[in-house]
Amino acid sequence: MKTPSIEEMLYECCKRRGNPIRLIHRTLKEFSWFVDKLIFEREALFSDKDFPVKDAVLIEKIKDFPSGKEEDMLYEEAQLSLAYCKHVYDPDYL
């Protein structure tokens, strides 16, 4: 199984939001928002207002971030962002 690139993960999030061609700019803004929260305001991610996800596994991954090498941090951020998108935009994921 091929490991998805960061671009592929962001595109997957676009598809979950609807029309990927028209929503790429919003997905990039959301990714930026998510990474900003992940780095500077991690606890805010767990409030119902900002982060409506209740998946215990995802919450633990966020709490444990970063879990790998520094050079893998952007990739890990993209993985967590995609998991967030799945929760928010894919009703079948829950």
Protein backbone atom coordinates (compact mmCIF):
# COMPACT_ATOMS: atom_id res chain seq x y z
CA MET A 1 0.00 0.00 0.00
CA LYS A 2 1.38 3.38 -1.05
CA THR A 3 1.87 6.02 1.63
CA PRO A 4 -0.12 9.11 0.63
CA SER A 5 1.70 12.38 0.10
CA ILE A 6 0.75 15.57 1.94
CA GLU A 7 -0.83 16.83 -1.27
CA GLU A 8 -2.92 13.65 -1.57
CA MET A 9 -4.09 13.96 2.05
CA LEU A 10 -5.15 17.59 1.51
CA TYR A 11 -6.93 16.63 -1.71
CA GLU A 12 -8.74 13.83 0.16
CA CYS A 13 -9.96 16.42 2.64
CA CYS A 14 -11.16 18.58 -0.27
CA LYS A 15 -13.15 15.65 -1.64
CA ARG A 16 -14.78 15.08 1.74
CA ARG A 17 -15.82 18.74 1.82
CA GLY A 18 -17.49 18.53 -1.60
CA ASN A 19 -16.10 19.91 -4.85
CA PRO A 20 -12.29 19.56 -4.63
CA ILE A 21 -11.55 22.08 -7.38
CA ARG A 22 -13.50 24.87 -5.71
CA LEU A 23 -12.61 24.07 -2.10
CA ILE A 24 -8.81 23.76 -2.20
CA HIS A 25 -8.29 27.30 -0.87
CA ARG A 26 -10.66 26.65 2.05
CA THR A 27 -8.98 23.34 2.79
CA LEU A 28 -5.57 25.04 2.87
CA LYS A 29 -6.93 27.71 5.23
CA GLU A 30 -8.42 25.01 7.43
CA PHE A 31 -5.12 23.12 7.42
CA SER A 32 -3.33 26.32 8.45
CA TRP A 33 -5.90 26.90 11.23
CA PHE A 34 -5.54 23.30 12.43
CA VAL A 35 -1.72 23.41 12.52
CA ASP A 36 -1.79 26.77 14.30
CA LYS A 37 -4.09 25.31 16.97
CA LEU A 38 -2.00 22.15 17.16
CA ILE A 39 1.18 24.11 17.85
CA PHE A 40 0.01 27.12 19.85
CA GLU A 41 -3.39 26.32 21.36
CA ARG A 42 -3.65 22.56 21.54
CA GLU A 43 -6.10 22.56 24.45
CA ALA A 44 -8.49 24.73 22.41
CA LEU A 45 -8.79 21.86 19.94
CA PHE A 46 -10.76 19.85 22.48
CA SER A 47 -13.52 22.37 23.08
CA ASP A 48 -16.89 21.68 21.48
CA LYS A 49 -16.75 25.07 19.74
CA ASP A 50 -13.47 24.53 17.89
CA PHE A 51 -13.09 20.79 17.70
CA PRO A 52 -16.29 18.74 17.64
CA VAL A 53 -14.44 15.40 17.47
CA LYS A 54 -14.91 12.92 20.28
CA ASP A 55 -12.75 10.05 18.93
CA ALA A 56 -10.50 9.00 21.82
CA VAL A 57 -7.80 7.59 19.50
CA LEU A 58 -7.54 10.84 17.53
CA ILE A 59 -7.52 12.90 20.72
CA GLU A 60 -4.61 10.81 22.05
CA LYS A 61 -2.69 11.26 18.79
CA ILE A 62 -3.15 15.02 19.07
CA LYS A 63 -2.04 15.01 22.70
CA ASP A 64 1.05 12.95 21.76
CA PHE A 65 2.01 15.23 18.85
CA PRO A 66 4.76 15.36 17.75
CA SER A 67 5.38 11.66 17.96
CA GLY A 68 8.24 11.26 15.51
CA LYS A 69 11.26 12.99 14.10
CA GLU A 70 11.24 16.72 13.52
CA GLU A 71 11.56 16.26 9.75
CA ASP A 72 8.33 14.21 9.79
CA MET A 73 6.32 16.87 11.65
CA LEU A 74 4.59 18.40 8.60
CA TYR A 75 3.57 14.94 7.40
CA GLU A 76 2.19 14.11 10.84
CA GLU A 77 0.28 17.41 10.88
CA ALA A 78 -1.27 16.51 7.52
CA GLN A 79 -2.28 13.07 8.84
CA LEU A 80 -3.96 14.59 11.89
CA SER A 81 -5.64 17.22 9.73
CA LEU A 82 -7.04 14.52 7.44
CA ALA A 83 -8.37 12.63 10.46
CA TYR A 84 -10.02 15.87 11.59
CA CYS A 85 -11.58 16.31 8.12
CA LYS A 86 -12.90 12.75 8.18
CA HIS A 87 -14.64 13.43 11.48
CA VAL A 88 -16.08 16.77 10.47
CA TYR A 89 -17.06 16.11 6.84
CA ASP A 90 -17.69 12.35 6.55
CA PRO A 91 -20.75 11.13 8.48
CA ASP A 92 -19.88 7.50 7.64
CA TYR A 93 -16.50 7.82 9.39
CA LEU A 94 -18.07 7.97 12.85
